[in-house]
Structure formats: structure tokens, C-alpha cells
Amino acid sequence: MEPTVWILLILGFSVLFTGMRAVRIVEQASVLIVERLGKYHKTAKSGFNFIWPFLDKVRPISLGGVGHRAVDLREQVIDFPPQPVITRDNVTMAVDTVLYYQITDPAKAIYEIVDLGIAIQQLTTTSLRNVMGELALDETLTSRETVNVKLRDVLDEATDKWGVKVNRVELKNIEPPAEIQEAMAKQMKAERERRAVVTEAEGRKSAAILGAEGERDAAIAEAEGQKRSTILEAEGTAEARLKIAQAEAEALGKIKEALGEANSANYLIALKYLESLEKISGGQATKIFLPFEASGILGAVGGIRELFADGGGSSSKPGAEG
């Protein structure tokens, strides 16, 4: 084969190799940091990109000691192993944390920190110990959301210069020492027993109150009934007396019309006297009590008889005998 052919073949392979190195296809949600002669040149975004061979090169990013040529712009997760922390009341416990972050500036993530993954891990560990050290044991167990917010704010502010956005931090697990867990279990049991006793006492109290209120309402209702009954009875008695008085008044009026003023008085006195005698005798017909003044009364009765006789005579026909 002639030398010219070899030269052409070599040139062809060189061009092909150079062209393959010059073309970069970047995946979606990823970028490449391109350096030219050792300096930052540009950020190659997703899609087709051309770089000059031997002049430009791709700078890898280090995450946790592992180099990656492409910078992933998606949200990433770091699950930290349990870290020992000391609370404000000197209780040591293990805290398991999960961190969600996203690279917003790839150039800063490469040039502002040597290893972004290790830096985030160490910063999270120290920040977690600082935040938990400001809280007591009970606060750490009941205020997880507060701890999460504090950690996120601290980490987001510290990683901003690295081109990283910390979206959220979650305390996945908090594990106190065994003796603390046993004491907490006893405390929880005692608290539940106390609540049960309080609930039972409140139930008895409510039942007693309801019973007393029921008795009070019943007494009030009974008193109201008695009052109403007494009022109705008094009204009935008054109405009966009123009708009796009206009947007696009507009777007296008729007696006055029939006998006249003087005779009607004598009639009434004699009638009352006879009623009194009947009461004194006790209703027994065999006993008769006649007082000293009986002759006067009997004379009045006789006079009344004569009045009725005269009245009868005046109404009879002429010539008739009494």
C-alpha cells in the first residue's frame, strides 16, 4: 500500500477521533463544566454541545469522594447514619437525619468547595449537634418540626456560597438511651393511669351533679304542682263561697220581699237558733235542749207561722176558712 494511502487513513482516523471528542451529548437535568486551558470556560447544558479537543476539557465534580463528570441538577438525598448528640440536660442520644438538597449553581459547587458531598455531611452533623444542644430531651422529642426548620435555615445559609439549596431536613429517628426509654415508658404509664383516675372522678362528679340537678328539678316541679293545686283549691273554695253567698243573698232578698224587713229578721234569727240547737243535740232526735229564752224564740216562730198563715189566707178565695 502506498504511503499516501496510509497518511490519508491516519488523517481520517485522527479527524474521526477528534470529532468524537469534540461532540458532547449532555443528558436532561445535567450539565458539564468546561474548562479551557485550565480556566472555567462555560457550562454545557443538556443536548448537543461542541468543545475544542486538546483545548477544552470537562471538569468532574466530587461527591463524597466519588468523581462525576456530569453535574446532576435534580434534588438529591443524603441519608446520614445515626449521629450521637448531647441535649441541653446532658442526655446522649442517637439521631438519624435525612437531607434533601439541590445544586443551583454548578460552577460554585465545583470551584467553591473541594468535595461537596463530604462538606454537606460534616456541616449537617455539626449543625445538628448545635441545634439539639440548645434543647432539652422533652423538647427534642416533641418539637421535631422546630428542629427541622432550624437545621434547614442554618444549612441553607451555609451552603448558599457553594451553589446549593437545602430544601428540607428531616429527623428520621431519635433514639434515647435504654434507661431513658424505660423511664419514659414508666412516666407514660403513670400519666395514663392518672388520666384514667381523673376521667373516672370527672364522670362521678358529672353523675352527682346531674343527679342533684334532677332532684332539684323534681322538687321544684313538685312544689310548683303543690302551689298550683293550692291555688286552684283556694280559687275553688272562694268561688264556692261566693256562689253560696250569692245564693243566700238571693234567698234573703226573696224572704224580704215575702215577709217584709222586720219579719224576715225574726225568721232568720229563729232559723239560726234551730240550727244551733241541732248541733248541740248532736243530731239525736231523743234529746231536746231548751234554753231559758226558748219561749221568746218559739213565740217568734209562732209569729212566723202566723205570717205564713196570713199570707196563705190573703191568697185564698173570699169566704174560705183558715
Protein backbone atom coordinates (compact mmCIF):
# COMPACT_ATOMS: atom_id res chain seq x y z
CA MET A 1 0.00 0.00 0.00
CA GLU A 2 1.35 3.41 -0.91
CA PRO A 3 2.42 5.87 1.79
CA THR A 4 -0.16 8.36 0.67
CA VAL A 5 -2.95 5.97 1.48
CA TRP A 6 -1.53 5.39 4.94
CA ILE A 7 -1.33 9.10 5.51
CA LEU A 8 -4.92 9.56 4.45
CA LEU A 9 -6.07 6.75 6.69
CA ILE A 10 -4.22 8.20 9.64
CA LEU A 11 -5.66 11.62 8.96
CA GLY A 12 -9.13 10.15 8.67
CA PHE A 13 -8.88 8.31 11.96
CA SER A 14 -7.49 11.42 13.62
CA VAL A 15 -10.34 13.54 12.35
CA LEU A 16 -12.86 10.91 13.46
CA PHE A 17 -11.29 10.62 16.90
CA THR A 18 -11.09 14.39 17.24
CA GLY A 19 -14.69 14.78 16.16
CA MET A 20 -15.84 12.20 18.69
CA ARG A 21 -14.04 14.07 21.45
CA ALA A 22 -15.35 17.43 20.29
CA VAL A 23 -19.01 16.42 20.46
CA ARG A 24 -20.68 16.06 23.87
CA ILE A 25 -24.25 14.94 24.40
CA VAL A 26 -25.48 16.08 27.81
CA GLU A 27 -28.48 14.36 29.39
CA GLN A 28 -31.59 16.12 30.68
CA ALA A 29 -31.27 17.79 34.14
CA SER A 30 -27.46 17.58 33.90
CA VAL A 31 -24.67 19.97 32.93
CA LEU A 32 -20.94 19.79 32.20
CA ILE A 33 -18.36 22.28 33.41
CA VAL A 34 -15.98 23.01 30.51
CA GLU A 35 -12.53 24.42 31.18
CA ARG A 36 -10.27 25.89 28.52
CA LEU A 37 -6.57 25.79 29.26
CA GLY A 38 -7.30 25.17 32.94
CA LYS A 39 -9.83 28.02 33.41
CA TYR A 40 -13.58 27.94 33.58
CA HIS A 41 -14.96 28.45 30.09
CA LYS A 42 -18.64 27.57 30.02
CA THR A 43 -21.41 25.38 31.36
CA ALA A 44 -22.58 22.83 28.77
CA LYS A 45 -26.31 22.32 29.19
CA SER A 46 -28.42 19.35 28.19
CA GLY A 47 -28.40 18.48 24.49
CA PHE A 48 -25.71 18.76 21.80
CA ASN A 49 -22.50 20.61 22.73
CA PHE A 50 -19.17 21.15 20.92
CA ILE A 51 -15.83 21.58 22.66
CA TRP A 52 -12.40 22.02 21.18
CA PRO A 53 -10.22 18.98 21.63
CA PHE A 54 -6.88 19.45 23.40
CA LEU A 55 -8.01 22.96 24.42
CA ASP A 56 -11.18 22.24 26.36
CA LYS A 57 -11.85 19.57 28.96
CA VAL A 58 -14.69 18.60 31.25
CA ARG A 59 -14.12 19.22 34.96
CA PRO A 60 -15.61 16.44 37.15
CA ILE A 61 -17.45 17.14 40.40
CA SER A 62 -16.61 15.24 43.57
CA LEU A 63 -19.50 14.00 45.74
CA GLY A 64 -18.47 12.00 48.78
CA GLY A 65 -15.08 11.07 47.38
CA VAL A 66 -16.54 9.88 44.05
CA GLY A 67 -15.96 11.87 40.87
CA HIS A 68 -18.80 12.53 38.45
CA ARG A 69 -18.28 14.16 35.05
CA ALA A 70 -21.85 15.49 34.83
CA VAL A 71 -23.39 17.70 37.48
CA ASP A 72 -26.87 16.44 38.41
CA LEU A 73 -29.32 19.33 38.89
CA ARG A 74 -32.10 17.20 40.34
CA GLU A 75 -32.95 17.15 44.05
CA GLN A 76 -30.67 14.73 45.84
CA VAL A 77 -30.96 12.86 49.13
CA ILE A 78 -28.32 12.11 51.74
CA ASP A 79 -29.26 9.62 54.44
CA PHE A 80 -26.93 10.12 57.39
CA PRO A 81 -26.18 7.28 59.80
CA PRO A 82 -27.24 7.82 63.43
CA GLN A 83 -25.18 10.58 64.99
CA PRO A 84 -24.59 10.89 68.77
CA VAL A 85 -25.79 14.26 70.11
CA ILE A 86 -25.98 15.70 73.62
CA THR A 87 -29.05 17.67 74.69
CA ARG A 88 -29.11 20.66 77.00
CA ASP A 89 -29.86 18.43 80.00
CA ASN A 90 -26.81 16.22 79.24
CA VAL A 91 -28.63 13.28 77.67
CA THR A 92 -26.77 11.50 74.87
CA MET A 93 -28.93 10.03 72.13
CA ALA A 94 -28.59 8.88 68.53
CA VAL A 95 -30.29 10.94 65.82
CA ASP A 96 -30.86 9.69 62.28
CA THR A 97 -31.16 12.51 59.72
CA VAL A 98 -32.17 12.80 56.07
CA LEU A 99 -31.13 15.82 53.98
CA TYR A 100 -32.68 16.97 50.68
CA TYR A 101 -30.63 19.41 48.61
CA GLN A 102 -30.28 20.65 45.05
CA ILE A 103 -27.38 22.18 43.14
CA THR A 104 -28.42 25.56 41.77
CA ASP A 105 -25.01 26.85 40.58
CA PRO A 106 -22.77 24.06 39.19
CA ALA A 107 -19.71 26.32 38.85
CA LYS A 108 -19.81 27.23 42.55
CA ALA A 109 -20.39 23.60 43.52
CA ILE A 110 -17.08 22.71 41.81
CA TYR A 111 -14.85 25.71 42.43
CA GLU A 112 -16.00 26.90 45.88
CA ILE A 113 -15.60 23.57 47.72
CA VAL A 114 -13.26 20.63 47.27
CA ASP A 115 -15.77 17.85 47.94
CA LEU A 116 -19.38 18.98 48.08
CA GLY A 117 -20.77 15.70 49.44
CA ILE A 118 -18.34 15.46 52.38
CA ALA A 119 -18.77 19.15 53.14
CA ILE A 120 -22.56 18.82 53.34
CA GLN A 121 -22.29 15.75 55.56
CA GLN A 122 -19.89 17.39 58.00
CA LEU A 123 -21.86 20.64 58.06
CA THR A 124 -25.10 18.77 58.74
CA THR A 125 -23.53 16.80 61.60
CA THR A 126 -22.14 19.87 63.36
CA SER A 127 -25.30 21.91 62.82
CA LEU A 128 -27.42 19.04 64.17
CA ARG A 129 -25.36 18.88 67.34
CA ASN A 130 -25.55 22.64 67.82
CA VAL A 131 -29.31 22.79 67.37
CA MET A 132 -30.04 19.74 69.53
CA GLY A 133 -27.66 21.01 72.21
CA GLU A 134 -29.91 24.04 72.72
CA LEU A 135 -32.95 21.88 73.51
CA ALA A 136 -33.88 19.63 76.41
CA LEU A 137 -34.75 15.98 75.92
CA ASP A 138 -38.51 16.55 76.05
CA GLU A 139 -38.27 19.41 73.54
CA THR A 140 -36.31 17.29 71.06
CA LEU A 141 -38.97 14.58 71.20
CA THR A 142 -41.95 16.90 70.89
CA SER A 143 -40.54 19.65 68.65
CA ARG A 144 -39.22 17.82 65.62
CA GLU A 145 -40.69 20.34 63.24
CA THR A 146 -38.88 23.16 65.06
CA VAL A 147 -35.58 21.28 64.83
CA ASN A 148 -36.17 20.58 61.14
CA VAL A 149 -36.79 24.25 60.38
CA LYS A 150 -33.75 25.42 62.35
CA LEU A 151 -31.48 22.91 60.64
CA ARG A 152 -32.78 23.81 57.21
CA ASP A 153 -32.23 27.53 57.78
CA VAL A 154 -28.69 27.01 59.11
CA LEU A 155 -27.66 24.64 56.33
CA ASP A 156 -29.28 26.67 53.57
CA GLU A 157 -27.43 29.80 54.66
CA ALA A 158 -24.09 27.97 54.95
CA THR A 159 -24.36 26.15 51.60
CA ASP A 160 -25.53 29.16 49.62
CA LYS A 161 -21.94 30.09 48.72
CA TRP A 162 -21.46 26.55 47.37
CA GLY A 163 -24.33 26.95 44.92
CA VAL A 164 -26.52 24.53 46.87
CA LYS A 165 -30.14 24.93 48.00
CA VAL A 166 -31.17 22.90 51.07
CA ASN A 167 -34.87 22.19 50.61
CA ARG A 168 -35.62 20.34 53.85
CA VAL A 169 -34.10 18.35 56.69
CA GLU A 170 -35.96 15.53 58.40
CA LEU A 171 -35.17 13.83 61.72
CA LYS A 172 -35.97 10.27 60.78
CA ASN A 173 -35.36 8.71 64.17
CA ILE A 174 -34.43 9.84 67.68
CA GLU A 175 -33.26 7.07 69.99
CA PRO A 176 -32.59 7.98 73.65
CA PRO A 177 -30.57 5.64 75.91
CA ALA A 178 -32.22 2.46 77.20
CA GLU A 179 -32.62 3.77 80.76
CA ILE A 180 -34.24 6.95 79.45
CA GLN A 181 -36.64 4.92 77.35
CA GLU A 182 -37.56 2.80 80.38
CA ALA A 183 -38.14 5.91 82.49
CA MET A 184 -40.25 7.44 79.71
CA ALA A 185 -42.32 4.26 79.50
CA LYS A 186 -42.97 4.36 83.25
CA GLN A 187 -43.84 8.04 83.07
CA MET A 188 -46.24 7.41 80.19
CA LYS A 189 -47.89 4.57 82.12
CA ALA A 190 -48.27 6.74 85.21
CA GLU A 191 -49.69 9.56 83.11
CA ARG A 192 -52.25 7.25 81.53
CA GLU A 193 -53.27 5.90 84.94
CA ARG A 194 -53.60 9.46 86.23
CA ARG A 195 -55.78 10.39 83.26
CA ALA A 196 -57.93 7.33 83.86
CA VAL A 197 -58.42 8.28 87.53
CA VAL A 198 -59.19 11.89 86.60
CA THR A 199 -61.64 10.79 83.92
CA GLU A 200 -63.39 8.44 86.36
CA ALA A 201 -63.57 11.18 89.01
CA GLU A 202 -64.95 13.63 86.50
CA GLY A 203 -67.54 11.05 85.48
CA ARG A 204 -68.64 10.54 89.06
CA LYS A 205 -68.74 14.29 89.57
CA SER A 206 -70.85 14.79 86.46
CA ALA A 207 -73.20 11.99 87.54
CA ALA A 208 -73.58 13.52 91.01
CA ILE A 209 -74.22 16.94 89.53
CA LEU A 210 -76.79 15.56 87.12
CA GLY A 211 -78.47 13.61 89.97
CA ALA A 212 -78.60 16.69 92.18
CA GLU A 213 -79.97 18.76 89.33
CA GLY A 214 -82.59 16.08 88.65
CA GLU A 215 -83.66 16.02 92.30
CA ARG A 216 -83.75 19.81 92.37
CA ASP A 217 -85.87 19.96 89.22
CA ALA A 218 -88.20 17.29 90.63
CA ALA A 219 -88.55 19.19 93.92
CA ILE A 220 -89.21 22.41 92.04
CA ALA A 221 -91.77 20.68 89.84
CA GLU A 222 -93.46 19.11 92.90
CA ALA A 223 -93.52 22.46 94.71
CA GLU A 224 -94.92 24.13 91.64
CA GLY A 225 -97.58 21.42 91.42
CA GLN A 226 -98.50 21.80 95.08
CA LYS A 227 -98.58 25.55 94.68
CA ARG A 228 -100.80 25.27 91.64
CA SER A 229 -103.04 22.75 93.40
CA THR A 230 -103.35 25.00 96.48
CA ILE A 231 -104.12 27.99 94.28
CA LEU A 232 -106.76 26.05 92.36
CA GLU A 233 -108.24 24.70 95.61
CA ALA A 234 -108.35 28.19 97.13
CA GLU A 235 -109.87 29.58 93.98
CA GLY A 236 -112.48 26.78 94.01
CA THR A 237 -113.28 27.41 97.69
CA ALA A 238 -113.56 31.14 97.11
CA GLU A 239 -115.74 30.59 94.07
CA ALA A 240 -117.97 28.16 96.04
CA ARG A 241 -118.27 30.61 98.94
CA LEU A 242 -119.06 33.36 96.51
CA LYS A 243 -121.81 31.31 94.92
CA ILE A 244 -123.16 30.31 98.35
CA ALA A 245 -123.14 33.97 99.41
CA GLN A 246 -124.86 34.93 96.20
CA ALA A 247 -127.47 32.21 96.74
CA GLU A 248 -128.01 33.31 100.36
CA ALA A 249 -128.29 36.91 99.23
CA GLU A 250 -130.86 35.93 96.65
CA ALA A 251 -132.74 33.89 99.30
CA LEU A 252 -132.65 36.80 101.74
CA GLY A 253 -133.92 39.07 99.05
CA LYS A 254 -136.85 36.78 98.35
CA ILE A 255 -137.58 36.42 102.10
CA LYS A 256 -137.58 40.20 102.48
CA GLU A 257 -139.93 40.51 99.55
CA ALA A 258 -142.25 37.88 101.01
CA LEU A 259 -142.17 38.78 104.73
CA GLY A 260 -141.04 42.31 104.99
CA GLU A 261 -137.98 43.78 106.73
CA ALA A 262 -138.97 43.10 110.38
CA ASN A 263 -140.49 39.66 109.89
CA SER A 264 -137.63 38.48 107.72
CA ALA A 265 -135.17 39.36 110.54
CA ASN A 266 -137.16 37.33 113.04
CA TYR A 267 -137.32 34.45 110.59
CA LEU A 268 -133.59 34.36 110.14
CA ILE A 269 -132.92 34.56 113.89
CA ALA A 270 -135.26 31.66 114.56
CA LEU A 271 -133.70 29.61 111.75
CA LYS A 272 -130.17 30.12 113.05
CA TYR A 273 -131.31 29.26 116.56
CA LEU A 274 -132.82 25.98 115.42
CA GLU A 275 -129.63 25.09 113.54
CA SER A 276 -127.65 25.76 116.70
CA LEU A 277 -129.93 23.51 118.72
CA GLU A 278 -129.45 20.72 116.19
CA LYS A 279 -125.69 21.00 116.51
CA ILE A 280 -125.90 20.96 120.30
CA SER A 281 -128.09 17.83 120.28
CA GLY A 282 -125.60 16.03 118.08
CA GLY A 283 -128.26 15.02 115.59
CA GLN A 284 -130.12 12.82 118.13
CA ALA A 285 -133.84 13.22 117.97
CA THR A 286 -134.42 11.86 121.55
CA LYS A 287 -132.62 14.74 123.24
CA ILE A 288 -134.06 18.25 123.28
CA PHE A 289 -132.34 21.23 124.85
CA LEU A 290 -134.49 24.26 125.56
CA PRO A 291 -132.79 27.31 126.96
CA PHE A 292 -134.45 29.82 129.26
CA GLU A 293 -135.15 32.18 126.41
CA ALA A 294 -136.83 29.43 124.31
CA SER A 295 -140.29 30.90 124.90
CA GLY A 296 -139.30 34.08 123.13
CA ILE A 297 -137.88 32.22 120.23
CA LEU A 298 -140.87 29.92 119.99
CA GLY A 299 -143.09 32.96 120.08
CA ALA A 300 -141.10 34.33 117.13
CA VAL A 301 -141.57 31.01 115.33
CA GLY A 302 -145.28 31.17 116.04
CA GLY A 303 -145.38 34.67 114.70
CA ILE A 304 -143.69 33.46 111.53
CA ARG A 305 -146.26 30.75 111.25
CA GLU A 306 -148.99 33.32 111.54
CA LEU A 307 -147.31 35.37 108.85
CA PHE A 308 -147.32 32.41 106.51
CA ALA A 309 -150.90 31.69 107.54
CA ASP A 310 -151.92 35.28 106.82
CA GLY A 311 -150.15 35.14 103.56
CA GLY A 312 -151.98 31.96 102.73
CA GLY A 313 -155.28 33.46 103.82
CA SER A 314 -154.86 36.54 101.71
CA SER A 315 -154.25 34.46 98.67
CA SER A 316 -157.30 32.22 99.27
CA LYS A 317 -160.73 32.83 97.85
CA PRO A 318 -163.27 35.01 99.73
CA GLY A 319 -165.30 33.10 102.27
CA ALA A 320 -162.72 30.36 102.78
CA GLU A 321 -161.71 29.42 106.32
CA GLY A 322 -158.09 29.31 107.60
